[in-house]
Amino acid sequence: MADTEQEGDTGRGRDCLFCGIVAGDIPADIVHSTATTVAFKDIAPAAPLHVLVVPRRHITDAAQVTAADGPVLADMLMAAHAVAEESKRRVEGELASTRRRLRSITRRRIPELDSLLGELELKLDAAELEDHVVGRWAREQLKASDQAAT
């Protein structure tokens, strides 16, 4: 408890960047918030969707985690899932909007292309959606760690 303040039950870490973001003292692009977690965009993203999910209560490191932290850790995973699902819906909406605009333009300017587009419907398969939501870099990192483990 050397790095936490003794102010009531806040558990705020002294000089902890994440605690400052949770408290609102440090600006961040918050994308999801619950009673126990805060999710915000990374300031130097390594993927198109790079979000950090932190508990509202300060946890120094994984060695400090106890069984009592189980609900907070579960909330963190559920918050990450909610952020990914929202991003997926947004990407799918943007894709549908782009398809509508492309069809509208082609109908007015190139009627033959409209019928061709109908036959060659743009579809994102799971790997392409994963590339957009998770990022190719993250998938390669997971693949590398899987290969190293075997």
C-alpha atoms as a PDB file:
ATOM      1  CA  MET A   1       0.000   0.000   0.000  1.00  0.00           C
ATOM      2  CA  ALA A   2       3.054   2.212  -0.242  1.00  0.00           C
ATOM      3  CA  ASP A   3       1.911   3.872  -3.454  1.00  0.00           C
ATOM      4  CA  THR A   4      -1.723   4.503  -2.559  1.00  0.00           C
ATOM      5  CA  GLU A   5      -3.132   7.478  -0.724  1.00  0.00           C
ATOM      6  CA  GLN A   6      -4.944   6.974   2.543  1.00  0.00           C
ATOM      7  CA  GLU A   7      -7.988   9.097   1.542  1.00  0.00           C
ATOM      8  CA  GLY A   8     -10.957   7.008   2.603  1.00  0.00           C
ATOM      9  CA  ASP A   9     -11.604   4.019   0.350  1.00  0.00           C
ATOM     10  CA  THR A  10     -10.692   5.605  -2.995  1.00  0.00           C
ATOM     11  CA  GLY A  11      -7.609   3.455  -3.465  1.00  0.00           C
ATOM     12  CA  ARG A  12      -6.190   6.166  -5.733  1.00  0.00           C
ATOM     13  CA  GLY A  13      -2.544   5.619  -6.571  1.00  0.00           C
ATOM     14  CA  ARG A  14      -0.128   8.407  -5.856  1.00  0.00           C
ATOM     15  CA  ASP A  15       1.203   9.687  -9.193  1.00  0.00           C
ATOM     16  CA  CYS A  16      -0.738   7.025 -11.104  1.00  0.00           C
ATOM     17  CA  LEU A  17      -1.572   8.185 -14.635  1.00  0.00           C
ATOM     18  CA  PHE A  18      -4.595   5.891 -14.875  1.00  0.00           C
ATOM     19  CA  CYS A  19      -5.996   7.077 -11.527  1.00  0.00           C
ATOM     20  CA  GLY A  20      -5.653  10.651 -12.807  1.00  0.00           C
ATOM     21  CA  ILE A  21      -7.638   9.751 -15.933  1.00  0.00           C
ATOM     22  CA  VAL A  22     -10.306   7.948 -13.879  1.00  0.00           C
ATOM     23  CA  ALA A  23     -10.611  10.978 -11.568  1.00  0.00           C
ATOM     24  CA  GLY A  24     -10.896  13.330 -14.542  1.00  0.00           C
ATOM     25  CA  ASP A  25      -7.711  15.206 -13.615  1.00  0.00           C
ATOM     26  CA  ILE A  26      -5.965  14.078 -16.805  1.00  0.00           C
ATOM     27  CA  PRO A  27      -7.841  14.453 -20.115  1.00  0.00           C
ATOM     28  CA  ALA A  28      -8.594  11.309 -22.092  1.00  0.00           C
ATOM     29  CA  ASP A  29     -10.903  10.214 -24.897  1.00  0.00           C
ATOM     30  CA  ILE A  30     -13.204   8.029 -22.786  1.00  0.00           C
ATOM     31  CA  VAL A  31     -15.198   5.585 -24.920  1.00  0.00           C
ATOM     32  CA  HIS A  32     -16.899   3.482 -22.221  1.00  0.00           C
ATOM     33  CA  SER A  33     -17.477   3.809 -18.512  1.00  0.00           C
ATOM     34  CA  THR A  34     -19.115   1.655 -15.843  1.00  0.00           C
ATOM     35  CA  ALA A  35     -19.357   1.835 -12.067  1.00  0.00           C
ATOM     36  CA  THR A  36     -16.085  -0.105 -11.776  1.00  0.00           C
ATOM     37  CA  THR A  37     -14.194   0.547 -15.034  1.00  0.00           C
ATOM     38  CA  VAL A  38     -13.144   3.251 -17.472  1.00  0.00           C
ATOM     39  CA  ALA A  39     -12.129   2.603 -21.106  1.00  0.00           C
ATOM     40  CA  PHE A  40     -10.270   5.224 -23.117  1.00  0.00           C
ATOM     41  CA  LYS A  41      -8.330   5.484 -26.371  1.00  0.00           C
ATOM     42  CA  ASP A  42      -4.572   5.023 -26.229  1.00  0.00           C
ATOM     43  CA  ILE A  43      -2.662   8.227 -27.042  1.00  0.00           C
ATOM     44  CA  ALA A  44      -0.237   6.280 -29.252  1.00  0.00           C
ATOM     45  CA  PRO A  45      -2.383   3.530 -30.796  1.00  0.00           C
ATOM     46  CA  ALA A  46      -0.715   0.477 -32.312  1.00  0.00           C
ATOM     47  CA  ALA A  47      -3.946  -0.597 -34.033  1.00  0.00           C
ATOM     48  CA  PRO A  48      -7.043   1.098 -35.469  1.00  0.00           C
ATOM     49  CA  LEU A  49      -8.882   0.257 -32.252  1.00  0.00           C
ATOM     50  CA  HIS A  50      -6.497   0.571 -29.312  1.00  0.00           C
ATOM     51  CA  VAL A  51      -8.377   1.119 -26.070  1.00  0.00           C
ATOM     52  CA  LEU A  52      -7.201   0.716 -22.489  1.00  0.00           C
ATOM     53  CA  VAL A  53      -9.659  -0.561 -19.883  1.00  0.00           C
ATOM     54  CA  VAL A  54      -8.714   0.190 -16.280  1.00  0.00           C
ATOM     55  CA  PRO A  55     -10.450  -0.365 -12.956  1.00  0.00           C
ATOM     56  CA  ARG A  56     -11.694   2.718 -11.119  1.00  0.00           C
ATOM     57  CA  ARG A  57      -9.933   1.418  -8.010  1.00  0.00           C
ATOM     58  CA  HIS A  58      -6.135   1.502  -8.100  1.00  0.00           C
ATOM     59  CA  ILE A  59      -4.474  -1.891  -8.504  1.00  0.00           C
ATOM     60  CA  THR A  60      -0.697  -1.535  -8.481  1.00  0.00           C
ATOM     61  CA  ASP A  61       0.056  -4.634 -10.550  1.00  0.00           C
ATOM     62  CA  ALA A  62      -1.035  -8.216 -11.183  1.00  0.00           C
ATOM     63  CA  ALA A  63       0.804  -9.392  -8.072  1.00  0.00           C
ATOM     64  CA  GLN A  64      -1.627  -7.298  -5.983  1.00  0.00           C
ATOM     65  CA  VAL A  65      -4.736  -8.980  -7.459  1.00  0.00           C
ATOM     66  CA  THR A  66      -6.710 -11.176  -5.078  1.00  0.00           C
ATOM     67  CA  ALA A  67      -9.822 -13.302  -5.410  1.00  0.00           C
ATOM     68  CA  ALA A  68     -11.799 -10.302  -4.146  1.00  0.00           C
ATOM     69  CA  ASP A  69     -10.815  -8.475  -7.373  1.00  0.00           C
ATOM     70  CA  GLY A  70     -12.568 -11.116  -9.507  1.00  0.00           C
ATOM     71  CA  PRO A  71     -15.720  -9.047 -10.137  1.00  0.00           C
ATOM     72  CA  VAL A  72     -13.675  -6.000 -11.170  1.00  0.00           C
ATOM     73  CA  LEU A  73     -11.534  -8.090 -13.514  1.00  0.00           C
ATOM     74  CA  ALA A  74     -14.688  -9.605 -15.030  1.00  0.00           C
ATOM     75  CA  ASP A  75     -16.106  -6.084 -15.459  1.00  0.00           C
ATOM     76  CA  MET A  76     -12.901  -5.076 -17.261  1.00  0.00           C
ATOM     77  CA  LEU A  77     -13.305  -7.943 -19.740  1.00  0.00           C
ATOM     78  CA  MET A  78     -16.973  -7.116 -20.282  1.00  0.00           C
ATOM     79  CA  ALA A  79     -16.078  -3.444 -20.855  1.00  0.00           C
ATOM     80  CA  ALA A  80     -13.477  -4.486 -23.461  1.00  0.00           C
ATOM     81  CA  HIS A  81     -16.107  -6.659 -25.121  1.00  0.00           C
ATOM     82  CA  ALA A  82     -18.618  -3.776 -25.158  1.00  0.00           C
ATOM     83  CA  VAL A  83     -16.044  -1.449 -26.770  1.00  0.00           C
ATOM     84  CA  ALA A  84     -15.226  -4.048 -29.450  1.00  0.00           C
ATOM     85  CA  GLU A  85     -18.915  -4.678 -30.188  1.00  0.00           C
ATOM     86  CA  GLU A  86     -19.640  -0.946 -30.517  1.00  0.00           C
ATOM     87  CA  SER A  87     -16.674  -0.537 -32.848  1.00  0.00           C
ATOM     88  CA  LYS A  88     -17.880  -3.487 -34.932  1.00  0.00           C
ATOM     89  CA  ARG A  89     -21.363  -1.920 -35.238  1.00  0.00           C
ATOM     90  CA  ARG A  90     -19.838   1.416 -36.223  1.00  0.00           C
ATOM     91  CA  VAL A  91     -17.608  -0.194 -38.867  1.00  0.00           C
ATOM     92  CA  GLU A  92     -20.529  -2.169 -40.285  1.00  0.00           C
ATOM     93  CA  GLY A  93     -22.625   1.017 -40.399  1.00  0.00           C
ATOM     94  CA  GLU A  94     -19.859   2.923 -42.171  1.00  0.00           C
ATOM     95  CA  LEU A  95     -19.475   0.086 -44.663  1.00  0.00           C
ATOM     96  CA  ALA A  96     -23.220   0.034 -45.384  1.00  0.00           C
ATOM     97  CA  SER A  97     -23.228   3.812 -45.832  1.00  0.00           C
ATOM     98  CA  THR A  98     -20.266   3.640 -48.223  1.00  0.00           C
ATOM     99  CA  ARG A  99     -21.989   0.915 -50.223  1.00  0.00           C
ATOM    100  CA  ARG A 100     -25.167   3.035 -50.504  1.00  0.00           C
ATOM    101  CA  ARG A 101     -23.198   6.093 -51.645  1.00  0.00           C
ATOM    102  CA  LEU A 102     -21.228   4.051 -54.175  1.00  0.00           C
ATOM    103  CA  ARG A 103     -24.413   2.523 -55.584  1.00  0.00           C
ATOM    104  CA  SER A 104     -26.050   5.955 -55.817  1.00  0.00           C
ATOM    105  CA  ILE A 105     -23.079   7.393 -57.691  1.00  0.00           C
ATOM    106  CA  THR A 106     -22.804   4.434 -60.056  1.00  0.00           C
ATOM    107  CA  ARG A 107     -26.536   4.426 -60.821  1.00  0.00           C
ATOM    108  CA  ARG A 108     -26.370   8.039 -61.893  1.00  0.00           C
ATOM    109  CA  ARG A 109     -23.037   7.959 -63.704  1.00  0.00           C
ATOM    110  CA  ILE A 110     -22.350   4.423 -64.863  1.00  0.00           C
ATOM    111  CA  PRO A 111     -25.544   2.337 -65.098  1.00  0.00           C
ATOM    112  CA  GLU A 112     -23.668  -0.765 -66.294  1.00  0.00           C
ATOM    113  CA  LEU A 113     -21.466  -0.713 -63.190  1.00  0.00           C
ATOM    114  CA  ASP A 114     -24.517  -0.860 -60.918  1.00  0.00           C
ATOM    115  CA  SER A 115     -25.510  -4.279 -62.227  1.00  0.00           C
ATOM    116  CA  LEU A 116     -21.915  -5.453 -61.944  1.00  0.00           C
ATOM    117  CA  LEU A 117     -21.773  -4.251 -58.314  1.00  0.00           C
ATOM    118  CA  GLY A 118     -24.947  -6.198 -57.626  1.00  0.00           C
ATOM    119  CA  GLU A 119     -23.209  -9.344 -58.791  1.00  0.00           C
ATOM    120  CA  LEU A 120     -19.954  -8.556 -56.986  1.00  0.00           C
ATOM    121  CA  GLU A 121     -21.423  -7.511 -53.627  1.00  0.00           C
ATOM    122  CA  LEU A 122     -18.792  -6.123 -51.290  1.00  0.00           C
ATOM    123  CA  LYS A 123     -18.526  -8.413 -48.306  1.00  0.00           C
ATOM    124  CA  LEU A 124     -16.236  -8.333 -45.331  1.00  0.00           C
ATOM    125  CA  ASP A 125     -15.274 -11.729 -44.128  1.00  0.00           C
ATOM    126  CA  ALA A 126     -14.331 -12.315 -40.515  1.00  0.00           C
ATOM    127  CA  ALA A 127     -10.595 -11.803 -41.127  1.00  0.00           C
ATOM    128  CA  GLU A 128     -11.122  -8.414 -42.804  1.00  0.00           C
ATOM    129  CA  LEU A 129     -13.400  -7.237 -39.991  1.00  0.00           C
ATOM    130  CA  GLU A 130     -10.859  -8.423 -37.448  1.00  0.00           C
ATOM    131  CA  ASP A 131      -8.150  -6.450 -39.288  1.00  0.00           C
ATOM    132  CA  HIS A 132     -10.244  -3.306 -38.993  1.00  0.00           C
ATOM    133  CA  VAL A 133     -11.409  -3.766 -35.406  1.00  0.00           C
ATOM    134  CA  VAL A 134      -8.420  -5.434 -33.776  1.00  0.00           C
ATOM    135  CA  GLY A 135      -5.714  -4.564 -36.226  1.00  0.00           C
ATOM    136  CA  ARG A 136      -3.332  -6.650 -38.209  1.00  0.00           C
ATOM    137  CA  TRP A 137      -0.518  -5.881 -35.768  1.00  0.00           C
ATOM    138  CA  ALA A 138      -2.411  -7.303 -32.789  1.00  0.00           C
ATOM    139  CA  ARG A 139      -3.292 -10.486 -34.685  1.00  0.00           C
ATOM    140  CA  GLU A 140       0.331 -10.963 -35.714  1.00  0.00           C
ATOM    141  CA  GLN A 141       1.433 -10.506 -32.114  1.00  0.00           C
ATOM    142  CA  LEU A 142      -1.040 -13.164 -30.972  1.00  0.00           C
ATOM    143  CA  LYS A 143       0.118 -15.510 -33.734  1.00  0.00           C
ATOM    144  CA  ALA A 144       3.762 -14.987 -32.759  1.00  0.00           C
ATOM    145  CA  SER A 145       3.038 -15.690 -29.101  1.00  0.00           C
ATOM    146  CA  ASP A 146       1.072 -18.831 -30.055  1.00  0.00           C
ATOM    147  CA  GLN A 147       3.992 -20.057 -32.175  1.00  0.00           C
ATOM    148  CA  ALA A 148       6.468 -19.321 -29.387  1.00  0.00           C
ATOM    149  CA  ALA A 149       4.326 -21.315 -26.944  1.00  0.00           C
ATOM    150  CA  THR A 150       4.346 -24.423 -29.149  1.00  0.00           C
END
